[in-house]
Amino acid sequence: MGKIAYKDDRLGNMENEVVFTKLKSFARANCYDEIQAFVECSNSGLFSIMWKCRQAKELMNVCVSRYTTAEYFDKFVEKHIIDMEMRRRERNRLKLLKEKQEKEAIASGRAPPTQEE
């Protein structure tokens, strides 16, 4: 895995990696034109790209840096935490619903619902 530039202590290492990967994808999506310009420039030669594509590389790096700041990382962390909490609540809701259905089935003398139902 790549180097994580930022880390949030509320998340584990894997979660920090997931958030940082999403942040990098966000930056790439917002800097598509700059990245494409550098890619097109760099496809034209092997050794000359260091000099020829210097400006395109700089524009690409400035753009990506604009979207990979600590502030953006913090926003992505907050969204990740909210999403995790929503998934946890949904799992708990489904678990309680399943337990309720099983109790009702037992009380009425029916077989508890199976996983396929």
N, C-alpha and C. Protein backbone atom coordinates (compact mmCIF):
# COMPACT_ATOMS: atom_id res chain seq x y z
N MET A 1 0.84 -1.18 0.00
CA MET A 1 0.00 0.00 0.00
C MET A 1 0.88 1.25 0.00
N GLY A 2 0.29 2.36 -0.40
CA GLY A 2 1.02 3.62 -0.49
C GLY A 2 1.22 4.26 0.86
N LYS A 3 2.01 5.30 0.84
CA LYS A 3 2.28 6.06 2.07
C LYS A 3 1.06 6.91 2.42
N ILE A 4 0.66 6.86 3.66
CA ILE A 4 -0.47 7.66 4.13
C ILE A 4 0.08 8.98 4.64
N ALA A 5 -0.34 10.07 4.01
CA ALA A 5 0.17 11.38 4.40
C ALA A 5 -0.47 11.88 5.69
N TYR A 6 -1.70 11.46 5.95
CA TYR A 6 -2.43 11.91 7.14
C TYR A 6 -2.96 10.69 7.86
N LYS A 7 -3.23 10.85 9.14
CA LYS A 7 -3.75 9.75 9.94
C LYS A 7 -4.68 10.32 11.00
N ASP A 8 -5.78 9.61 11.25
CA ASP A 8 -6.71 10.00 12.29
C ASP A 8 -6.71 8.91 13.35
N ASP A 9 -6.50 9.30 14.59
CA ASP A 9 -6.37 8.33 15.68
C ASP A 9 -7.67 7.58 15.98
N ARG A 10 -8.80 8.10 15.50
CA ARG A 10 -10.07 7.41 15.72
C ARG A 10 -10.22 6.20 14.82
N LEU A 11 -9.38 6.12 13.78
CA LEU A 11 -9.46 5.03 12.82
C LEU A 11 -8.25 4.12 12.94
N GLY A 12 -8.44 2.87 12.59
CA GLY A 12 -7.32 1.94 12.55
C GLY A 12 -6.50 2.18 11.28
N ASN A 13 -5.39 1.45 11.16
CA ASN A 13 -4.51 1.63 10.01
C ASN A 13 -5.23 1.33 8.69
N MET A 14 -6.00 0.25 8.66
CA MET A 14 -6.71 -0.11 7.42
C MET A 14 -7.75 0.96 7.06
N GLU A 15 -8.47 1.46 8.05
CA GLU A 15 -9.47 2.49 7.78
C GLU A 15 -8.82 3.78 7.30
N ASN A 16 -7.68 4.15 7.90
CA ASN A 16 -6.95 5.32 7.43
C ASN A 16 -6.52 5.13 5.98
N GLU A 17 -6.09 3.93 5.63
CA GLU A 17 -5.69 3.64 4.26
C GLU A 17 -6.89 3.77 3.31
N VAL A 18 -8.04 3.27 3.73
CA VAL A 18 -9.25 3.36 2.91
C VAL A 18 -9.62 4.83 2.68
N VAL A 19 -9.58 5.62 3.73
CA VAL A 19 -9.93 7.04 3.61
C VAL A 19 -8.93 7.76 2.71
N PHE A 20 -7.65 7.47 2.88
CA PHE A 20 -6.64 8.14 2.06
C PHE A 20 -6.75 7.72 0.60
N THR A 21 -7.10 6.47 0.34
CA THR A 21 -7.32 6.02 -1.03
C THR A 21 -8.49 6.76 -1.67
N LYS A 22 -9.56 6.95 -0.91
CA LYS A 22 -10.70 7.72 -1.41
C LYS A 22 -10.30 9.17 -1.69
N LEU A 23 -9.48 9.74 -0.81
CA LEU A 23 -9.00 11.11 -1.00
C LEU A 23 -8.17 11.23 -2.28
N LYS A 24 -7.30 10.24 -2.51
CA LYS A 24 -6.48 10.27 -3.73
C LYS A 24 -7.36 10.15 -4.98
N SER A 25 -8.37 9.31 -4.93
CA SER A 25 -9.29 9.17 -6.06
C SER A 25 -10.04 10.48 -6.31
N PHE A 26 -10.43 11.13 -5.24
CA PHE A 26 -11.10 12.43 -5.34
C PHE A 26 -10.18 13.45 -6.01
N ALA A 27 -8.92 13.47 -5.60
CA ALA A 27 -7.95 14.40 -6.19
C ALA A 27 -7.74 14.08 -7.67
N ARG A 28 -7.60 12.80 -8.00
CA ARG A 28 -7.41 12.42 -9.41
C ARG A 28 -8.62 12.82 -10.26
N ALA A 29 -9.81 12.66 -9.72
CA ALA A 29 -11.02 13.02 -10.47
C ALA A 29 -11.08 14.53 -10.70
N ASN A 30 -10.69 15.30 -9.71
CA ASN A 30 -10.73 16.76 -9.83
C ASN A 30 -9.57 17.33 -10.64
N CYS A 31 -8.53 16.55 -10.84
CA CYS A 31 -7.35 17.00 -11.58
C CYS A 31 -7.18 16.21 -12.88
N TYR A 32 -8.26 15.69 -13.39
CA TYR A 32 -8.19 14.83 -14.57
C TYR A 32 -7.48 15.51 -15.74
N ASP A 33 -7.85 16.74 -16.03
CA ASP A 33 -7.25 17.44 -17.18
C ASP A 33 -5.75 17.62 -17.02
N GLU A 34 -5.31 18.01 -15.82
CA GLU A 34 -3.89 18.22 -15.56
C GLU A 34 -3.11 16.90 -15.65
N ILE A 35 -3.71 15.84 -15.12
CA ILE A 35 -3.06 14.52 -15.18
C ILE A 35 -2.96 14.05 -16.62
N GLN A 36 -4.05 14.21 -17.38
CA GLN A 36 -4.03 13.80 -18.78
C GLN A 36 -2.99 14.58 -19.58
N ALA A 37 -2.86 15.87 -19.31
CA ALA A 37 -1.86 16.68 -20.02
C ALA A 37 -0.46 16.15 -19.75
N PHE A 38 -0.19 15.78 -18.49
CA PHE A 38 1.13 15.23 -18.17
C PHE A 38 1.34 13.86 -18.82
N VAL A 39 0.31 13.02 -18.79
CA VAL A 39 0.42 11.69 -19.40
C VAL A 39 0.70 11.82 -20.89
N GLU A 40 -0.04 12.67 -21.57
CA GLU A 40 0.17 12.86 -23.00
C GLU A 40 1.57 13.38 -23.30
N CYS A 41 2.03 14.31 -22.49
CA CYS A 41 3.38 14.85 -22.67
C CYS A 41 4.43 13.76 -22.44
N SER A 42 4.23 12.97 -21.41
CA SER A 42 5.25 11.97 -21.05
C SER A 42 5.28 10.78 -21.99
N ASN A 43 4.24 10.60 -22.78
CA ASN A 43 4.22 9.50 -23.75
C ASN A 43 5.10 9.76 -24.97
N SER A 44 5.59 10.98 -25.10
CA SER A 44 6.31 11.35 -26.31
C SER A 44 7.80 11.01 -26.28
N GLY A 45 8.36 10.72 -25.15
CA GLY A 45 9.78 10.40 -25.11
C GLY A 45 10.19 9.91 -23.74
N LEU A 46 11.31 9.21 -23.68
CA LEU A 46 11.74 8.63 -22.42
C LEU A 46 12.59 9.60 -21.60
N PHE A 47 13.66 10.08 -22.18
CA PHE A 47 14.58 10.93 -21.42
C PHE A 47 14.22 12.40 -21.48
N SER A 48 13.55 12.81 -22.54
CA SER A 48 13.25 14.22 -22.70
C SER A 48 12.10 14.68 -21.81
N ILE A 49 11.34 13.76 -21.23
CA ILE A 49 10.18 14.17 -20.44
C ILE A 49 10.55 14.97 -19.21
N MET A 50 11.73 14.73 -18.66
CA MET A 50 12.14 15.49 -17.47
C MET A 50 12.14 16.98 -17.77
N TRP A 51 12.56 17.36 -18.96
CA TRP A 51 12.65 18.77 -19.32
C TRP A 51 11.39 19.24 -20.02
N LYS A 52 10.94 18.43 -20.94
CA LYS A 52 9.82 18.82 -21.79
C LYS A 52 8.52 18.92 -21.00
N CYS A 53 8.33 18.05 -20.03
CA CYS A 53 7.05 17.96 -19.32
C CYS A 53 7.10 18.59 -17.93
N ARG A 54 8.12 19.35 -17.68
CA ARG A 54 8.29 19.95 -16.36
C ARG A 54 7.08 20.80 -15.96
N GLN A 55 6.60 21.63 -16.87
CA GLN A 55 5.47 22.51 -16.56
C GLN A 55 4.19 21.70 -16.35
N ALA A 56 3.95 20.70 -17.20
CA ALA A 56 2.75 19.86 -17.05
C ALA A 56 2.79 19.11 -15.72
N LYS A 57 3.98 18.63 -15.35
CA LYS A 57 4.12 17.92 -14.07
C LYS A 57 3.85 18.86 -12.90
N GLU A 58 4.36 20.07 -12.99
CA GLU A 58 4.14 21.05 -11.91
C GLU A 58 2.66 21.39 -11.77
N LEU A 59 1.98 21.61 -12.89
CA LEU A 59 0.54 21.90 -12.84
C LEU A 59 -0.24 20.74 -12.25
N MET A 60 0.15 19.52 -12.62
CA MET A 60 -0.51 18.33 -12.08
C MET A 60 -0.29 18.24 -10.57
N ASN A 61 0.94 18.42 -10.13
CA ASN A 61 1.25 18.33 -8.69
C ASN A 61 0.56 19.41 -7.88
N VAL A 62 0.49 20.62 -8.42
CA VAL A 62 -0.20 21.71 -7.71
C VAL A 62 -1.67 21.37 -7.55
N CYS A 63 -2.26 20.87 -8.62
CA CYS A 63 -3.69 20.51 -8.56
C CYS A 63 -3.93 19.40 -7.55
N VAL A 64 -3.17 18.32 -7.63
CA VAL A 64 -3.36 17.19 -6.71
C VAL A 64 -3.13 17.64 -5.27
N SER A 65 -2.13 18.48 -5.05
CA SER A 65 -1.86 18.99 -3.69
C SER A 65 -3.02 19.81 -3.15
N ARG A 66 -3.73 20.48 -4.03
CA ARG A 66 -4.87 21.29 -3.62
C ARG A 66 -5.97 20.43 -3.01
N TYR A 67 -6.08 19.18 -3.46
CA TYR A 67 -7.16 18.29 -3.00
C TYR A 67 -6.71 17.23 -2.00
N THR A 68 -5.45 17.21 -1.67
CA THR A 68 -4.96 16.21 -0.70
C THR A 68 -4.41 16.91 0.55
N THR A 69 -5.17 17.85 1.04
CA THR A 69 -4.77 18.58 2.25
C THR A 69 -5.33 17.90 3.49
N ALA A 70 -4.86 18.34 4.63
CA ALA A 70 -5.36 17.82 5.90
C ALA A 70 -6.85 18.14 6.06
N GLU A 71 -7.27 19.29 5.57
CA GLU A 71 -8.69 19.67 5.68
C GLU A 71 -9.58 18.72 4.89
N TYR A 72 -9.17 18.39 3.67
CA TYR A 72 -9.94 17.43 2.89
C TYR A 72 -9.91 16.05 3.55
N PHE A 73 -8.75 15.65 4.06
CA PHE A 73 -8.65 14.36 4.73
C PHE A 73 -9.62 14.30 5.91
N ASP A 74 -9.66 15.38 6.70
CA ASP A 74 -10.58 15.43 7.84
C ASP A 74 -12.04 15.29 7.40
N LYS A 75 -12.39 15.93 6.29
CA LYS A 75 -13.76 15.81 5.77
C LYS A 75 -14.07 14.37 5.37
N PHE A 76 -13.10 13.72 4.73
CA PHE A 76 -13.29 12.33 4.32
C PHE A 76 -13.37 11.42 5.55
N VAL A 77 -12.60 11.70 6.59
CA VAL A 77 -12.66 10.91 7.83
C VAL A 77 -14.05 11.05 8.45
N GLU A 78 -14.55 12.27 8.56
CA GLU A 78 -15.87 12.48 9.15
C GLU A 78 -16.95 11.73 8.38
N LYS A 79 -16.89 11.79 7.06
CA LYS A 79 -17.86 11.06 6.24
C LYS A 79 -17.71 9.55 6.46
N HIS A 80 -16.49 9.07 6.54
CA HIS A 80 -16.25 7.64 6.76
C HIS A 80 -16.83 7.21 8.11
N ILE A 81 -16.63 8.00 9.14
CA ILE A 81 -17.16 7.67 10.48
C ILE A 81 -18.69 7.65 10.45
N ILE A 82 -19.30 8.62 9.79
CA ILE A 82 -20.76 8.65 9.67
C ILE A 82 -21.26 7.42 8.92
N ASP A 83 -20.59 7.08 7.81
CA ASP A 83 -20.98 5.89 7.04
C ASP A 83 -20.85 4.62 7.88
N MET A 84 -19.76 4.50 8.65
CA MET A 84 -19.57 3.32 9.51
C MET A 84 -20.70 3.22 10.54
N GLU A 85 -21.07 4.35 11.12
CA GLU A 85 -22.13 4.36 12.13
C GLU A 85 -23.47 3.98 11.50
N MET A 86 -23.73 4.46 10.30
CA MET A 86 -24.98 4.10 9.62
C MET A 86 -25.02 2.61 9.30
N ARG A 87 -23.90 2.05 8.85
CA ARG A 87 -23.85 0.61 8.58
C ARG A 87 -24.03 -0.19 9.86
N ARG A 88 -23.43 0.26 10.96
CA ARG A 88 -23.57 -0.43 12.24
C ARG A 88 -25.03 -0.42 12.69
N ARG A 89 -25.68 0.74 12.58
CA ARG A 89 -27.08 0.83 12.97
C ARG A 89 -27.96 -0.07 12.11
N GLU A 90 -27.69 -0.13 10.81
CA GLU A 90 -28.48 -0.97 9.92
C GLU A 90 -28.28 -2.45 10.26
N ARG A 91 -27.04 -2.84 10.56
CA ARG A 91 -26.80 -4.24 10.96
C ARG A 91 -27.57 -4.56 12.25
N ASN A 92 -27.54 -3.65 13.22
CA ASN A 92 -28.26 -3.87 14.47
C ASN A 92 -29.77 -3.94 14.24
N ARG A 93 -30.28 -3.06 13.38
CA ARG A 93 -31.71 -3.06 13.07
C ARG A 93 -32.12 -4.39 12.45
N LEU A 94 -31.33 -4.88 11.51
CA LEU A 94 -31.64 -6.16 10.86
C LEU A 94 -31.53 -7.32 11.84
N LYS A 95 -30.57 -7.25 12.74
CA LYS A 95 -30.40 -8.31 13.74
C LYS A 95 -31.61 -8.34 14.66
N LEU A 96 -32.06 -7.17 15.13
CA LEU A 96 -33.22 -7.11 16.01
C LEU A 96 -34.48 -7.58 15.28
N LEU A 97 -34.62 -7.21 14.02
CA LEU A 97 -35.77 -7.65 13.23
C LEU A 97 -35.78 -9.17 13.09
N LYS A 98 -34.64 -9.74 12.82
CA LYS A 98 -34.54 -11.20 12.68
C LYS A 98 -34.89 -11.89 14.01
N GLU A 99 -34.38 -11.36 15.11
CA GLU A 99 -34.68 -11.94 16.42
C GLU A 99 -36.17 -11.85 16.72
N LYS A 100 -36.78 -10.72 16.37
CA LYS A 100 -38.22 -10.54 16.59
C LYS A 100 -39.01 -11.54 15.76
N GLN A 101 -38.62 -11.73 14.50
CA GLN A 101 -39.32 -12.69 13.63
C GLN A 101 -39.17 -14.11 14.17
N GLU A 102 -37.99 -14.45 14.67
CA GLU A 102 -37.78 -15.78 15.23
C GLU A 102 -38.65 -15.99 16.47
N LYS A 103 -38.73 -15.00 17.34
CA LYS A 103 -39.56 -15.12 18.56
C LYS A 103 -41.03 -15.26 18.19
N GLU A 104 -41.48 -14.46 17.21
CA GLU A 104 -42.88 -14.55 16.78
C GLU A 104 -43.18 -15.92 16.16
N ALA A 105 -42.24 -16.43 15.40
CA ALA A 105 -42.44 -17.73 14.77
C ALA A 105 -42.52 -18.83 15.82
N ILE A 106 -41.66 -18.77 16.81
CA ILE A 106 -41.66 -19.77 17.88
C ILE A 106 -42.95 -19.67 18.69
N ALA A 107 -43.38 -18.43 18.99
CA ALA A 107 -44.60 -18.23 19.78
C ALA A 107 -45.84 -18.72 19.03
N SER A 108 -45.84 -18.65 17.73
CA SER A 108 -47.01 -19.08 16.96
C SER A 108 -46.92 -20.54 16.53
N GLY A 109 -45.81 -21.20 16.87
CA GLY A 109 -45.66 -22.60 16.55
C GLY A 109 -45.11 -22.87 15.16
N ARG A 110 -44.74 -21.83 14.44
CA ARG A 110 -44.13 -22.01 13.12
C ARG A 110 -42.63 -22.15 13.26
N ALA A 111 -42.04 -22.61 12.20
CA ALA A 111 -40.59 -22.70 12.18
C ALA A 111 -40.02 -21.29 12.00
N PRO A 112 -38.90 -20.99 12.64
CA PRO A 112 -38.30 -19.66 12.45
C PRO A 112 -37.91 -19.46 10.98
N PRO A 113 -37.95 -18.21 10.51
CA PRO A 113 -37.58 -17.97 9.11
C PRO A 113 -36.14 -18.36 8.85
N THR A 114 -35.93 -18.88 7.65
CA THR A 114 -34.56 -19.25 7.26
C THR A 114 -33.89 -18.05 6.62
N GLN A 115 -32.63 -18.21 6.33
CA GLN A 115 -31.84 -17.12 5.76
C GLN A 115 -32.34 -16.72 4.36
N GLU A 116 -32.91 -17.67 3.60
CA GLU A 116 -33.36 -17.39 2.25
C GLU A 116 -34.62 -16.53 2.23
N GLU A 117 -35.40 -16.52 3.29
CA GLU A 117 -36.67 -15.80 3.30
C GLU A 117 -36.47 -14.33 3.40
